[in-house]
């Protein structure tokens, strides 16, 4: 849903980061290869 809204507004989602509350552990979907790569079109 959010990705569709972002595309409608021409906003690209570059990463999605999850931070664990108590431990502070972080998970980056981009680092894990779960997000597509976007290249700027100038």
N, C-alpha and C. Protein backbone atom coordinates (compact mmCIF):
# COMPACT_ATOMS: atom_id res chain seq x y z
N UNK A 1 0.81 -1.19 0.00
CA UNK A 1 0.00 0.00 0.00
C UNK A 1 0.86 1.26 0.00
N UNK A 2 1.85 1.32 0.90
CA UNK A 2 2.69 2.53 0.97
C UNK A 2 3.50 2.72 -0.29
N UNK A 3 3.96 1.62 -0.87
CA UNK A 3 4.75 1.73 -2.09
C UNK A 3 3.90 2.32 -3.22
N UNK A 4 2.64 1.87 -3.33
CA UNK A 4 1.75 2.40 -4.34
C UNK A 4 1.49 3.88 -4.16
N UNK A 5 1.31 4.30 -2.90
CA UNK A 5 1.12 5.73 -2.61
C UNK A 5 2.37 6.52 -2.98
N UNK A 6 3.53 5.96 -2.64
CA UNK A 6 4.78 6.64 -2.97
C UNK A 6 4.97 6.79 -4.47
N UNK A 7 4.63 5.75 -5.22
CA UNK A 7 4.75 5.82 -6.67
C UNK A 7 3.80 6.87 -7.23
N UNK A 8 2.60 6.96 -6.68
CA UNK A 8 1.63 7.95 -7.12
C UNK A 8 2.17 9.37 -6.91
N UNK A 9 2.87 9.58 -5.79
CA UNK A 9 3.43 10.89 -5.47
C UNK A 9 4.85 11.07 -5.99
N UNK A 10 5.36 10.07 -6.74
CA UNK A 10 6.72 10.07 -7.28
C UNK A 10 7.77 10.12 -6.17
N UNK A 11 7.52 9.36 -5.08
CA UNK A 11 8.46 9.22 -3.97
C UNK A 11 8.95 7.78 -3.97
N UNK A 12 10.25 7.59 -4.04
CA UNK A 12 10.81 6.25 -4.08
C UNK A 12 11.19 5.78 -2.68
N UNK A 13 10.85 4.53 -2.36
CA UNK A 13 11.25 3.94 -1.09
C UNK A 13 12.62 3.32 -1.31
N UNK A 14 13.63 3.86 -0.66
CA UNK A 14 15.01 3.41 -0.88
C UNK A 14 15.42 2.30 0.09
N UNK A 15 14.81 2.26 1.26
CA UNK A 15 15.14 1.24 2.26
C UNK A 15 14.01 1.18 3.26
N UNK A 16 13.95 0.09 3.99
CA UNK A 16 13.01 -0.06 5.10
C UNK A 16 13.82 -0.64 6.24
N UNK A 17 13.94 0.10 7.32
CA UNK A 17 14.77 -0.31 8.45
C UNK A 17 13.88 -0.62 9.64
N UNK A 18 14.12 -1.77 10.26
CA UNK A 18 13.39 -2.18 11.45
C UNK A 18 14.38 -2.16 12.62
N UNK A 19 14.00 -1.47 13.71
CA UNK A 19 14.85 -1.38 14.90
C UNK A 19 14.11 -2.03 16.06
N UNK A 20 14.77 -2.99 16.73
CA UNK A 20 14.18 -3.67 17.88
C UNK A 20 14.23 -2.74 19.09
N UNK A 21 13.12 -2.62 19.79
CA UNK A 21 13.00 -1.69 20.91
C UNK A 21 13.99 -1.91 22.04
N UNK A 22 14.02 -3.08 22.63
CA UNK A 22 14.85 -3.31 23.82
C UNK A 22 16.30 -3.57 23.48
N UNK A 23 16.57 -4.29 22.40
CA UNK A 23 17.95 -4.65 22.08
C UNK A 23 18.64 -3.63 21.18
N UNK A 24 17.86 -2.88 20.41
CA UNK A 24 18.45 -1.91 19.49
C UNK A 24 18.99 -2.55 18.22
N UNK A 25 18.74 -3.86 18.04
CA UNK A 25 19.17 -4.53 16.80
C UNK A 25 18.46 -3.89 15.62
N UNK A 26 19.17 -3.84 14.48
CA UNK A 26 18.60 -3.23 13.28
C UNK A 26 18.60 -4.23 12.13
N UNK A 27 17.60 -4.11 11.26
CA UNK A 27 17.48 -4.94 10.08
C UNK A 27 17.16 -4.04 8.90
N UNK A 28 18.00 -4.06 7.89
CA UNK A 28 17.80 -3.25 6.70
C UNK A 28 17.41 -4.17 5.54
N UNK A 29 16.23 -3.92 4.97
CA UNK A 29 15.80 -4.74 3.84
C UNK A 29 16.70 -4.51 2.63
N UNK A 30 17.22 -3.31 2.45
CA UNK A 30 18.12 -3.03 1.33
C UNK A 30 19.41 -3.82 1.47
N UNK A 31 19.98 -3.84 2.69
CA UNK A 31 21.22 -4.59 2.92
C UNK A 31 21.04 -6.08 2.69
N UNK A 32 19.84 -6.58 2.93
CA UNK A 32 19.55 -8.00 2.74
C UNK A 32 19.12 -8.33 1.31
N UNK A 33 19.13 -7.32 0.42
CA UNK A 33 18.77 -7.55 -0.98
C UNK A 33 17.28 -7.69 -1.21
N UNK A 34 16.48 -7.18 -0.28
CA UNK A 34 15.03 -7.32 -0.38
C UNK A 34 14.35 -6.09 -1.00
N UNK A 35 15.12 -5.05 -1.29
CA UNK A 35 14.57 -3.83 -1.90
C UNK A 35 15.16 -3.67 -3.29
N UNK A 36 14.36 -3.25 -4.26
CA UNK A 36 14.90 -3.04 -5.60
C UNK A 36 15.83 -1.84 -5.61
N UNK A 37 16.76 -1.85 -6.53
CA UNK A 37 17.66 -0.70 -6.68
C UNK A 37 17.02 0.32 -7.59
N UNK A 38 17.13 1.58 -7.21
CA UNK A 38 16.61 2.66 -8.03
C UNK A 38 17.78 3.47 -8.56
N UNK A 39 17.72 3.81 -9.82
CA UNK A 39 18.75 4.63 -10.44
C UNK A 39 18.12 5.95 -10.83
N UNK A 40 18.82 7.03 -10.55
CA UNK A 40 18.30 8.35 -10.90
C UNK A 40 18.26 8.52 -12.40
N UNK A 41 17.22 9.17 -12.86
CA UNK A 41 17.08 9.48 -14.28
C UNK A 41 17.19 10.98 -14.43
N UNK A 42 18.39 11.45 -14.76
CA UNK A 42 18.62 12.90 -14.92
C UNK A 42 18.51 13.32 -16.36
